[in-house]
Amino acid sequence: MTDQSRRGATSCRRRPSGELDAILRDAPRRMSIEPAGTLLDALESSLTERLRDGKVKANRRPDYEAVHGRLCRDLGGERSVADFDTEELTEYIRGLEAQKFIGPERARQLRREGTPVKEVRIARWVAFPPEEDPVARRAGMKRVGHMESLQLVTQGFTIEQRETRRWATCSPASLETKLKYRDLLGSAFDYAVSKSWIADNPVNDVPRPAGGTGREATLRRTDFYDRDEVARLVAQAPNTLEKAFWLCGCHAGLRLPGEGQGLLWGSVDFKANVIRAQDGWSRGERSTTKTSKTTAIPMTPQLRSALAELKQRDYCVSDDDPVFTCSVKGRPVSDARMRGNFHAAAKRAGLKRITMYNLRHSFGTALAASGRIPNRTIQELMRHRRASTTEIYTAYSPQPDLERQLSTALEPAAVVVMATGAVDDEIADTEGFRDLRERFLDRLDEHVPAKWLRAVAGLFDDVAREVAEQA
């Protein structure tokens, strides 16, 4: 270090504190809060991060964008995130309504009947490919969300924004819907905080809606078909394609239509006699399944036979071809066709109306009702992440031990009949029969557990003879 630089350093170290304070006071200061983005910016940027991090599947983006559109219509997508406060967001979540879209004819009918119908204007984006040929441009046209439209602009696509008028009936939103909207707003404002658009997330103080889970603890009997009803449905299938498709739901638990449309021949293992739901189909393209877990699901003889029959066709039977297709180009069957044929077959069979997806519930309840398959195995076959999800089927599981315990407590005489299969008429007619019952139950408690009740029939006979002799 030179003498001059040494003197400069010494001078800096010895600068009076009052002079340093003046320098710090007069120095320009950088704002800690950046200019705030809009609600739409926060929603879309938050979703982009979650897509990138794998927290949201790509095929679910349209669903999220639909909710974002509703939030922006209701709250104002062009408003700055700094304009929102906890009180406003609390009132919005508390008064949130569910909207069910209906056609123009139905809207006019409801209005004539005095039912309120709301007009909703929805922004849509249409992307045209960079083609000079008008026919090719028209053929390549597709409807996209706002986020995708921004990406396609960089690829040379022409984007047109259009507005669609829809009609909807409104009703109080379910607990699940309110929680979903609150959580999406929370994620958006978390992103705003991370970008220093705002200092605090106003959603953090918005109370979470309460009132239970919002779902039935068990399935209602009207939500699925039992074995006999499934057999009546399958008997009405117009051909093997539909028959095999529906059996994939009620005999293998696939989520229809998506996992049926996404099933490839490579996932059907005739040697091991199992199928594996490894792919889905959503919005016209191949996608992942709802859960990443892949379980080998044994095929029932009926399902195996139907799939083997489909395999005999002369097109689209290689491992990477879809099982359920009617096209030599290998495009999966349309969900509209499968749903239409499903409801028509159910009507011909005289069955109640359920959704085609609920054939999966027929599978789950049949496994539970057998009483032979542990809940953990049912969870694996249903590919549930949490055991609590599988519990919706437990109401249909037989509970023989509990049945005997309740009978012992409430109808002891019935337990005697259960143990022996019958009671001798002479013994039943004796005045000592009540005493017989009490003594038998006392001996039962002393010698064997309740679940071994049938095994003690011989012991009962001994007690019965003793009482008969005393009588």
Protein backbone atom coordinates (compact mmCIF):
# COMPACT_ATOMS: atom_id res chain seq x y z
CA MET A 1 0.00 0.00 0.00
CA THR A 2 1.38 3.45 -0.94
CA ASP A 3 1.69 6.24 1.58
CA GLN A 4 -1.08 8.16 -0.16
CA SER A 5 -3.54 5.24 -0.02
CA ARG A 6 -2.53 4.55 3.56
CA ARG A 7 -3.29 8.14 4.50
CA GLY A 8 -6.64 7.93 2.65
CA ALA A 9 -7.62 4.76 4.52
CA THR A 10 -6.62 6.32 7.82
CA SER A 11 -8.65 9.39 6.95
CA CYS A 12 -11.73 7.24 6.26
CA ARG A 13 -11.36 5.39 9.49
CA ARG A 14 -11.09 8.62 11.42
CA ARG A 15 -14.02 10.38 9.75
CA PRO A 16 -16.19 11.96 12.46
CA SER A 17 -19.39 10.08 13.23
CA GLY A 18 -21.47 13.21 12.65
CA GLU A 19 -20.19 13.45 9.08
CA LEU A 20 -20.99 9.77 8.45
CA ASP A 21 -24.51 10.29 9.74
CA ALA A 22 -24.97 13.19 7.37
CA ILE A 23 -23.77 11.09 4.40
CA LEU A 24 -26.15 8.27 5.27
CA ARG A 25 -29.03 10.69 5.77
CA ASP A 26 -28.52 12.39 2.41
CA ALA A 27 -27.77 9.22 0.40
CA PRO A 28 -30.55 8.07 -2.02
CA ARG A 29 -32.56 5.21 -0.60
CA ARG A 30 -33.93 2.24 -2.60
CA MET A 31 -37.59 1.49 -1.98
CA SER A 32 -38.19 -1.94 -0.40
CA ILE A 33 -41.57 -2.27 -2.14
CA GLU A 34 -41.57 -2.54 -5.94
CA PRO A 35 -44.40 -1.18 -8.10
CA ALA A 36 -47.25 -3.61 -7.56
CA GLY A 37 -48.46 -5.91 -10.32
CA THR A 38 -52.10 -6.71 -10.97
CA LEU A 39 -54.18 -9.54 -9.59
CA LEU A 40 -54.00 -11.24 -13.00
CA ASP A 41 -50.18 -10.93 -12.97
CA ALA A 42 -50.01 -12.53 -9.52
CA LEU A 43 -52.39 -15.37 -10.39
CA GLU A 44 -50.65 -16.29 -13.64
CA SER A 45 -47.10 -15.93 -12.31
CA SER A 46 -47.93 -18.02 -9.27
CA LEU A 47 -49.38 -20.75 -11.49
CA THR A 48 -46.30 -20.62 -13.76
CA GLU A 49 -44.05 -21.27 -10.76
CA ARG A 50 -46.18 -24.17 -9.55
CA LEU A 51 -46.20 -25.72 -13.02
CA ARG A 52 -42.44 -25.38 -13.23
CA ASP A 53 -41.94 -26.95 -9.79
CA GLY A 54 -44.26 -29.85 -10.61
CA LYS A 55 -46.83 -28.88 -7.95
CA VAL A 56 -49.52 -28.60 -10.64
CA LYS A 57 -49.83 -30.98 -13.58
CA ALA A 58 -49.76 -29.42 -17.02
CA ASN A 59 -53.11 -30.91 -18.00
CA ARG A 60 -54.74 -29.13 -15.03
CA ARG A 61 -53.71 -25.68 -16.22
CA PRO A 62 -57.01 -25.00 -18.06
CA ASP A 63 -58.91 -25.75 -14.84
CA TYR A 64 -56.78 -23.27 -12.90
CA GLU A 65 -57.12 -20.67 -15.64
CA ALA A 66 -60.91 -21.04 -15.50
CA VAL A 67 -60.84 -20.23 -11.77
CA HIS A 68 -58.45 -17.35 -12.43
CA GLY A 69 -60.93 -15.99 -14.96
CA ARG A 70 -63.71 -16.11 -12.39
CA LEU A 71 -61.54 -14.37 -9.78
CA CYS A 72 -60.58 -11.65 -12.23
CA ARG A 73 -64.21 -11.10 -13.26
CA ASP A 74 -65.39 -10.94 -9.66
CA LEU A 75 -62.55 -8.96 -8.10
CA GLY A 76 -61.03 -7.07 -11.03
CA GLY A 77 -58.03 -8.65 -12.73
CA GLU A 78 -56.48 -5.27 -13.63
CA ARG A 79 -56.53 -4.02 -10.05
CA SER A 80 -53.21 -3.70 -8.27
CA VAL A 81 -52.59 -6.34 -5.64
CA ALA A 82 -51.85 -3.46 -3.26
CA ASP A 83 -55.52 -2.41 -3.46
CA PHE A 84 -56.82 -5.55 -1.74
CA ASP A 85 -57.27 -5.94 2.00
CA THR A 86 -58.31 -8.74 4.32
CA GLU A 87 -61.82 -7.41 4.90
CA GLU A 88 -62.70 -7.37 1.19
CA LEU A 89 -61.30 -10.86 0.56
CA THR A 90 -63.05 -12.26 3.64
CA GLU A 91 -66.41 -10.97 2.43
CA TYR A 92 -65.76 -12.36 -1.04
CA ILE A 93 -64.98 -15.88 0.19
CA ARG A 94 -67.88 -15.82 2.64
CA GLY A 95 -70.41 -14.85 -0.03
CA LEU A 96 -68.93 -16.93 -2.88
CA GLU A 97 -71.52 -18.53 -5.14
CA ALA A 98 -71.24 -21.60 -7.33
CA GLN A 99 -72.14 -20.98 -10.96
CA LYS A 100 -73.71 -23.71 -13.09
CA PHE A 101 -73.69 -22.83 -16.77
CA ILE A 102 -76.80 -23.59 -18.79
CA GLY A 103 -77.89 -23.15 -22.40
CA PRO A 104 -79.93 -20.20 -23.74
CA GLU A 105 -83.17 -22.19 -23.94
CA ARG A 106 -82.89 -23.37 -20.37
CA ALA A 107 -82.03 -19.83 -19.25
CA ARG A 108 -85.17 -18.45 -20.90
CA GLN A 109 -87.29 -21.18 -19.34
CA LEU A 110 -85.96 -20.49 -15.84
CA ARG A 111 -86.50 -16.78 -16.26
CA ARG A 112 -90.10 -17.37 -17.23
CA GLU A 113 -90.47 -19.45 -14.06
CA GLY A 114 -88.99 -16.64 -11.98
CA THR A 115 -85.65 -18.34 -11.23
CA PRO A 116 -82.73 -15.88 -11.18
CA VAL A 117 -80.26 -16.43 -14.04
CA LYS A 118 -77.00 -14.54 -14.27
CA GLU A 119 -75.33 -13.48 -17.51
CA VAL A 120 -71.58 -14.09 -17.46
CA ARG A 121 -69.16 -12.63 -20.00
CA ILE A 122 -66.06 -14.79 -20.38
CA ALA A 123 -62.90 -13.74 -22.19
CA ARG A 124 -61.56 -16.32 -24.64
CA TRP A 125 -58.39 -16.43 -26.71
CA VAL A 126 -58.09 -18.09 -30.10
CA ALA A 127 -54.67 -18.88 -31.59
CA PHE A 128 -54.04 -19.16 -35.33
CA PRO A 129 -50.80 -20.81 -36.53
CA PRO A 130 -48.30 -18.90 -38.71
CA GLU A 131 -49.62 -20.36 -41.95
CA GLU A 132 -50.24 -18.42 -45.14
CA ASP A 133 -52.85 -20.83 -46.44
CA PRO A 134 -56.24 -19.78 -44.97
CA VAL A 135 -57.44 -23.38 -44.87
CA ALA A 136 -54.34 -24.47 -42.93
CA ARG A 137 -54.73 -21.53 -40.55
CA ARG A 138 -58.32 -22.44 -39.91
CA ALA A 139 -57.48 -26.12 -39.39
CA GLY A 140 -54.72 -25.24 -36.91
CA MET A 141 -56.88 -22.84 -34.90
CA LYS A 142 -57.26 -23.68 -31.22
CA ARG A 143 -58.76 -22.15 -28.12
CA VAL A 144 -56.21 -21.36 -25.45
CA GLY A 145 -55.98 -19.71 -22.08
CA HIS A 146 -54.41 -16.32 -21.48
CA MET A 147 -51.07 -17.74 -20.34
CA GLU A 148 -50.74 -20.05 -23.32
CA SER A 149 -51.70 -17.23 -25.69
CA LEU A 150 -48.73 -15.20 -24.47
CA GLN A 151 -46.40 -18.13 -25.12
CA LEU A 152 -47.81 -18.76 -28.60
CA VAL A 153 -47.27 -15.14 -29.64
CA THR A 154 -43.52 -15.73 -29.37
CA GLN A 155 -43.91 -18.68 -31.76
CA GLY A 156 -45.52 -16.58 -34.46
CA PHE A 157 -49.15 -17.38 -33.70
CA THR A 158 -51.83 -14.76 -34.21
CA ILE A 159 -54.01 -14.30 -31.14
CA GLU A 160 -57.57 -13.04 -31.13
CA GLN A 161 -59.41 -12.22 -27.94
CA ARG A 162 -63.13 -12.91 -27.98
CA GLU A 163 -65.89 -12.56 -25.46
CA THR A 164 -68.44 -15.29 -24.88
CA ARG A 165 -71.80 -14.75 -23.22
CA ARG A 166 -72.92 -17.56 -20.95
CA TRP A 167 -75.86 -17.98 -18.60
CA ALA A 168 -75.57 -19.49 -15.17
CA THR A 169 -77.68 -20.36 -12.16
CA CYS A 170 -76.13 -19.46 -8.83
CA SER A 171 -76.21 -21.23 -5.49
CA PRO A 172 -74.12 -21.03 -2.31
CA ALA A 173 -70.65 -22.43 -2.97
CA SER A 174 -69.61 -25.63 -1.22
CA LEU A 175 -66.98 -25.64 1.48
CA GLU A 176 -64.49 -27.25 -0.89
CA THR A 177 -65.02 -24.53 -3.50
CA LYS A 178 -64.51 -21.77 -0.95
CA LEU A 179 -61.31 -23.41 0.29
CA LYS A 180 -60.03 -23.79 -3.28
CA TYR A 181 -60.63 -20.14 -4.11
CA ARG A 182 -59.08 -18.97 -0.86
CA ASP A 183 -55.98 -21.10 -1.38
CA LEU A 184 -55.50 -19.91 -4.97
CA LEU A 185 -55.76 -16.29 -3.84
CA GLY A 186 -53.31 -17.06 -1.05
CA SER A 187 -50.78 -18.47 -3.52
CA ALA A 188 -51.15 -15.43 -5.77
CA PHE A 189 -50.58 -12.96 -2.94
CA ASP A 190 -47.66 -15.06 -1.64
CA TYR A 191 -46.07 -14.54 -5.05
CA ALA A 192 -46.77 -10.80 -4.79
CA VAL A 193 -45.00 -10.71 -1.42
CA SER A 194 -42.01 -12.63 -2.83
CA LYS A 195 -41.68 -9.98 -5.58
CA SER A 196 -41.97 -7.13 -3.05
CA TRP A 197 -45.18 -5.89 -4.63
CA ILE A 198 -46.78 -5.89 -1.20
CA ALA A 199 -45.41 -6.27 2.30
CA ASP A 200 -47.90 -8.78 3.71
CA ASN A 201 -50.33 -11.34 2.32
CA PRO A 202 -53.89 -10.17 3.13
CA VAL A 203 -55.24 -13.71 2.67
CA ASN A 204 -53.30 -14.94 5.72
CA ASP A 205 -55.91 -13.32 7.96
CA VAL A 206 -58.91 -14.48 5.94
CA PRO A 207 -60.59 -17.17 8.11
CA ARG A 208 -60.65 -20.61 6.55
CA PRO A 209 -64.26 -21.63 5.90
CA ALA A 210 -65.43 -24.16 8.46
CA GLY A 211 -68.20 -26.71 8.61
CA GLY A 212 -66.66 -30.10 7.98
CA THR A 213 -64.87 -31.61 5.04
CA GLY A 214 -67.63 -30.86 2.56
CA ARG A 215 -67.72 -34.48 1.44
CA GLU A 216 -69.81 -37.41 2.51
CA ALA A 217 -67.99 -39.65 4.97
CA THR A 218 -69.31 -42.68 3.07
CA LEU A 219 -70.77 -43.29 -0.34
CA ARG A 220 -74.52 -43.28 -0.64
CA ARG A 221 -76.12 -46.37 -2.10
CA THR A 222 -77.37 -44.23 -4.98
CA ASP A 223 -73.79 -43.37 -5.99
CA PHE A 224 -72.75 -46.73 -7.44
CA TYR A 225 -73.93 -50.06 -8.87
CA ASP A 226 -73.66 -53.33 -6.94
CA ARG A 227 -72.55 -56.58 -8.60
CA ASP A 228 -75.98 -57.46 -9.93
CA GLU A 229 -76.49 -53.98 -11.35
CA VAL A 230 -73.06 -54.06 -12.98
CA ALA A 231 -73.96 -57.36 -14.65
CA ARG A 232 -77.19 -55.83 -15.97
CA LEU A 233 -75.27 -52.82 -17.32
CA VAL A 234 -72.61 -54.91 -19.06
CA ALA A 235 -75.29 -57.08 -20.63
CA GLN A 236 -76.60 -53.97 -22.39
CA ALA A 237 -73.23 -52.92 -23.85
CA PRO A 238 -73.64 -52.31 -27.61
CA ASN A 239 -70.31 -53.99 -28.42
CA THR A 240 -67.07 -55.28 -26.92
CA LEU A 241 -65.42 -51.86 -26.94
CA GLU A 242 -67.93 -50.37 -24.53
CA LYS A 243 -68.11 -53.56 -22.49
CA ALA A 244 -64.35 -53.64 -21.92
CA PHE A 245 -64.26 -49.88 -21.26
CA TRP A 246 -66.90 -50.07 -18.53
CA LEU A 247 -65.32 -53.18 -17.01
CA CYS A 248 -62.08 -51.23 -16.65
CA GLY A 249 -64.02 -49.01 -14.27
CA CYS A 250 -66.11 -51.50 -12.29
CA HIS A 251 -63.63 -54.44 -12.33
CA ALA A 252 -60.32 -52.56 -12.19
CA GLY A 253 -61.12 -49.16 -10.67
CA LEU A 254 -59.85 -47.01 -13.55
CA ARG A 255 -60.97 -43.38 -13.56
CA LEU A 256 -63.24 -43.14 -16.58
CA PRO A 257 -63.11 -41.76 -19.12
CA GLY A 258 -59.55 -40.37 -18.85
CA GLU A 259 -57.63 -43.44 -17.69
CA GLY A 260 -59.60 -45.67 -20.04
CA GLN A 261 -58.82 -43.43 -23.02
CA GLY A 262 -55.17 -43.28 -21.96
CA LEU A 263 -54.75 -47.06 -21.51
CA LEU A 264 -52.16 -48.48 -23.91
CA TRP A 265 -51.73 -52.11 -24.93
CA GLY A 266 -48.29 -52.00 -23.32
CA SER A 267 -50.06 -51.54 -19.96
CA VAL A 268 -52.18 -54.68 -20.47
CA ASP A 269 -50.09 -57.67 -19.37
CA PHE A 270 -51.84 -60.87 -20.40
CA LYS A 271 -48.96 -63.02 -19.11
CA ALA A 272 -49.12 -61.62 -15.59
CA ASN A 273 -52.90 -61.12 -15.94
CA VAL A 274 -52.75 -57.49 -14.77
CA ILE A 275 -53.30 -54.01 -16.14
CA ARG A 276 -51.44 -50.88 -15.06
CA ALA A 277 -53.04 -47.43 -15.26
CA GLN A 278 -49.96 -45.48 -16.33
CA ASP A 279 -51.44 -42.83 -18.63
CA GLY A 280 -54.45 -40.61 -18.85
CA TRP A 281 -56.16 -38.58 -21.55
CA SER A 282 -57.33 -35.04 -20.99
CA ARG A 283 -58.48 -32.26 -23.32
CA GLY A 284 -57.51 -34.14 -26.43
CA GLU A 285 -53.98 -35.10 -25.45
CA ARG A 286 -52.12 -37.72 -23.45
CA SER A 287 -51.56 -36.80 -19.82
CA THR A 288 -50.48 -38.24 -16.51
CA THR A 289 -52.89 -39.97 -14.16
CA LYS A 290 -54.29 -38.25 -11.08
CA THR A 291 -51.80 -40.04 -8.84
CA SER A 292 -48.27 -40.98 -9.88
CA LYS A 293 -48.55 -44.38 -8.19
CA THR A 294 -48.84 -47.29 -10.62
CA THR A 295 -50.33 -50.48 -9.22
CA ALA A 296 -50.65 -53.80 -11.04
CA ILE A 297 -54.40 -54.53 -10.94
CA PRO A 298 -55.35 -58.20 -11.51
CA MET A 299 -57.82 -58.74 -14.33
CA THR A 300 -61.06 -60.57 -13.67
CA PRO A 301 -61.93 -63.32 -16.18
CA GLN A 302 -64.64 -61.13 -17.69
CA LEU A 303 -62.32 -58.15 -18.15
CA ARG A 304 -59.51 -60.30 -19.54
CA SER A 305 -61.87 -61.92 -22.03
CA ALA A 306 -63.19 -58.57 -23.27
CA LEU A 307 -59.70 -57.11 -23.68
CA ALA A 308 -58.45 -60.26 -25.42
CA GLU A 309 -61.32 -59.95 -27.88
CA LEU A 310 -60.38 -56.33 -28.62
CA LYS A 311 -56.79 -57.40 -29.20
CA GLN A 312 -57.95 -59.49 -32.16
CA ARG A 313 -58.67 -56.44 -34.34
CA ASP A 314 -56.39 -55.78 -37.31
CA TYR A 315 -55.25 -52.25 -36.37
CA CYS A 316 -53.71 -50.39 -33.41
CA VAL A 317 -52.57 -53.39 -31.32
CA SER A 318 -48.91 -52.53 -30.68
CA ASP A 319 -47.68 -51.59 -27.21
CA ASP A 320 -47.88 -47.85 -27.83
CA ASP A 321 -51.38 -47.93 -29.32
CA PRO A 322 -54.48 -47.06 -27.29
CA VAL A 323 -56.67 -49.97 -26.26
CA PHE A 324 -59.88 -48.05 -26.82
CA THR A 325 -59.88 -46.61 -30.32
CA CYS A 326 -62.02 -46.93 -33.41
CA SER A 327 -59.56 -45.12 -35.65
CA VAL A 328 -56.68 -46.59 -37.61
CA LYS A 329 -54.87 -43.33 -36.76
CA GLY A 330 -54.89 -44.39 -33.11
CA ARG A 331 -56.89 -41.60 -31.54
CA PRO A 332 -58.77 -42.70 -28.39
CA VAL A 333 -62.55 -42.92 -28.49
CA SER A 334 -64.37 -39.73 -27.53
CA ASP A 335 -65.62 -39.42 -23.99
CA ALA A 336 -68.93 -38.06 -25.35
CA ARG A 337 -69.56 -41.33 -27.19
CA MET A 338 -68.70 -43.49 -24.19
CA ARG A 339 -70.84 -41.43 -21.82
CA GLY A 340 -73.77 -41.40 -24.20
CA ASN A 341 -73.67 -45.16 -24.69
CA PHE A 342 -73.22 -45.68 -20.95
CA HIS A 343 -76.34 -43.74 -20.01
CA ALA A 344 -78.34 -45.38 -22.80
CA ALA A 345 -77.32 -48.86 -21.62
CA ALA A 346 -78.14 -48.01 -17.99
CA LYS A 347 -81.58 -46.81 -19.07
CA ARG A 348 -82.24 -49.99 -21.04
CA ALA A 349 -81.20 -52.03 -18.00
CA GLY A 350 -83.58 -50.10 -15.78
CA LEU A 351 -80.78 -48.77 -13.58
CA LYS A 352 -80.58 -45.52 -11.66
CA ARG A 353 -78.54 -42.74 -13.25
CA ILE A 354 -74.95 -42.36 -12.05
CA THR A 355 -71.88 -40.90 -13.70
CA MET A 356 -69.60 -43.21 -15.66
CA TYR A 357 -66.76 -42.22 -13.32
CA ASN A 358 -68.69 -43.81 -10.45
CA LEU A 359 -68.11 -47.28 -11.88
CA ARG A 360 -64.84 -46.91 -9.99
CA HIS A 361 -66.88 -46.65 -6.79
CA SER A 362 -68.63 -49.90 -7.74
CA PHE A 363 -65.17 -51.50 -7.76
CA GLY A 364 -64.19 -50.08 -4.37
CA THR A 365 -67.43 -50.98 -2.61
CA ALA A 366 -67.40 -54.51 -4.05
CA LEU A 367 -63.90 -55.07 -2.63
CA ALA A 368 -64.96 -53.73 0.77
CA ALA A 369 -68.23 -55.72 0.80
CA SER A 370 -66.36 -58.99 0.23
CA GLY A 371 -64.90 -58.74 3.73
CA ARG A 372 -61.79 -60.58 2.53
CA ILE A 373 -59.61 -57.72 1.27
CA PRO A 374 -57.77 -55.50 3.80
CA ASN A 375 -58.31 -51.74 3.59
CA ARG A 376 -54.62 -51.25 2.85
CA THR A 377 -54.90 -53.47 -0.23
CA ILE A 378 -58.03 -51.63 -1.36
CA GLN A 379 -56.12 -48.35 -1.00
CA GLU A 380 -53.33 -49.71 -3.22
CA LEU A 381 -55.74 -50.99 -5.86
CA MET A 382 -57.68 -47.72 -5.86
CA ARG A 383 -54.35 -45.82 -5.97
CA HIS A 384 -55.33 -43.45 -3.19
CA ARG A 385 -52.61 -41.27 -1.67
CA ARG A 386 -54.26 -41.24 1.75
CA ALA A 387 -55.95 -44.02 3.67
CA SER A 388 -58.68 -41.57 4.70
CA THR A 389 -59.86 -41.44 1.07
CA THR A 390 -60.39 -45.20 1.08
CA GLU A 391 -62.55 -44.95 4.20
CA ILE A 392 -65.57 -43.90 2.10
CA TYR A 393 -66.01 -47.59 1.30
CA THR A 394 -65.73 -48.98 4.84
CA ALA A 395 -69.47 -48.63 5.55
CA TYR A 396 -69.98 -51.54 3.14
CA SER A 397 -67.48 -53.87 4.87
CA PRO A 398 -69.05 -56.69 6.93
CA GLN A 399 -68.17 -56.67 10.63
CA PRO A 400 -68.98 -60.15 11.97
CA ASP A 401 -67.19 -59.67 15.29
CA LEU A 402 -69.06 -56.45 16.02
CA GLU A 403 -72.30 -58.10 14.91
CA ARG A 404 -71.86 -60.89 17.45
CA GLN A 405 -70.88 -58.48 20.19
CA LEU A 406 -73.98 -56.36 19.57
CA SER A 407 -76.16 -59.48 19.50
CA THR A 408 -74.64 -60.70 22.76
CA ALA A 409 -75.42 -57.38 24.40
CA LEU A 410 -78.88 -56.83 22.97
CA GLU A 411 -80.30 -60.25 21.98
CA PRO A 412 -78.48 -62.99 23.89
CA ALA A 413 -80.99 -65.65 22.81
CA ALA A 414 -80.10 -64.98 19.20
CA VAL A 415 -76.44 -65.73 20.02
CA VAL A 416 -77.42 -69.21 21.17
CA VAL A 417 -79.16 -69.86 17.87
CA MET A 418 -76.16 -68.49 15.97
CA ALA A 419 -73.83 -70.85 17.78
CA THR A 420 -75.81 -74.06 17.27
CA GLY A 421 -77.75 -73.33 14.14
CA ALA A 422 -80.98 -74.37 15.91
CA VAL A 423 -82.44 -74.94 19.35
CA ASP A 424 -84.25 -78.16 20.24
CA ASP A 425 -87.98 -77.49 20.58
CA GLU A 426 -88.23 -79.36 23.90
CA ILE A 427 -85.41 -77.31 25.40
CA ALA A 428 -86.83 -74.06 24.07
CA ASP A 429 -90.17 -74.84 25.66
CA THR A 430 -88.71 -75.48 29.12
CA GLU A 431 -88.95 -72.91 31.87
CA GLY A 432 -85.19 -73.18 32.29
CA PHE A 433 -84.40 -71.81 28.87
CA ARG A 434 -83.71 -68.31 30.22
CA ASP A 435 -81.41 -69.77 32.80
CA LEU A 436 -79.77 -71.80 30.05
CA ARG A 437 -79.07 -68.63 28.11
CA GLU A 438 -77.50 -66.83 31.06
CA ARG A 439 -75.35 -69.78 32.08
CA PHE A 440 -74.24 -70.35 28.51
CA LEU A 441 -73.15 -66.73 28.13
CA ASP A 442 -71.28 -66.87 31.42
CA ARG A 443 -69.41 -69.99 30.32
CA LEU A 444 -68.72 -68.42 26.95
CA ASP A 445 -67.05 -65.39 28.50
CA GLU A 446 -64.88 -67.68 30.63
CA HIS A 447 -63.66 -70.00 27.90
CA VAL A 448 -63.47 -68.40 24.45
CA PRO A 449 -63.43 -65.03 22.67
CA ALA A 450 -66.67 -63.91 21.07
CA LYS A 451 -65.27 -64.34 17.56
CA TRP A 452 -64.96 -68.10 18.19
CA LEU A 453 -68.63 -68.40 18.95
CA ARG A 454 -69.35 -71.08 16.34
CA ALA A 455 -66.53 -73.22 17.66
CA VAL A 456 -68.25 -73.58 21.05
CA ALA A 457 -71.44 -75.22 19.78
CA GLY A 458 -70.42 -78.39 21.57
CA LEU A 459 -70.06 -76.51 24.84
CA PHE A 460 -73.57 -75.19 24.43
CA ASP A 461 -74.93 -78.70 23.95
CA ASP A 462 -73.41 -79.73 27.27
CA VAL A 463 -75.02 -76.80 29.08
CA ALA A 464 -78.34 -77.43 27.32
CA ARG A 465 -78.40 -81.03 28.53
CA GLU A 466 -77.64 -79.94 32.10
CA VAL A 467 -80.56 -77.54 32.09
CA ALA A 468 -82.87 -80.08 30.47
CA GLU A 469 -82.04 -82.63 33.18
CA GLN A 470 -82.72 -80.08 35.94
CA ALA A 471 -86.02 -79.17 34.31
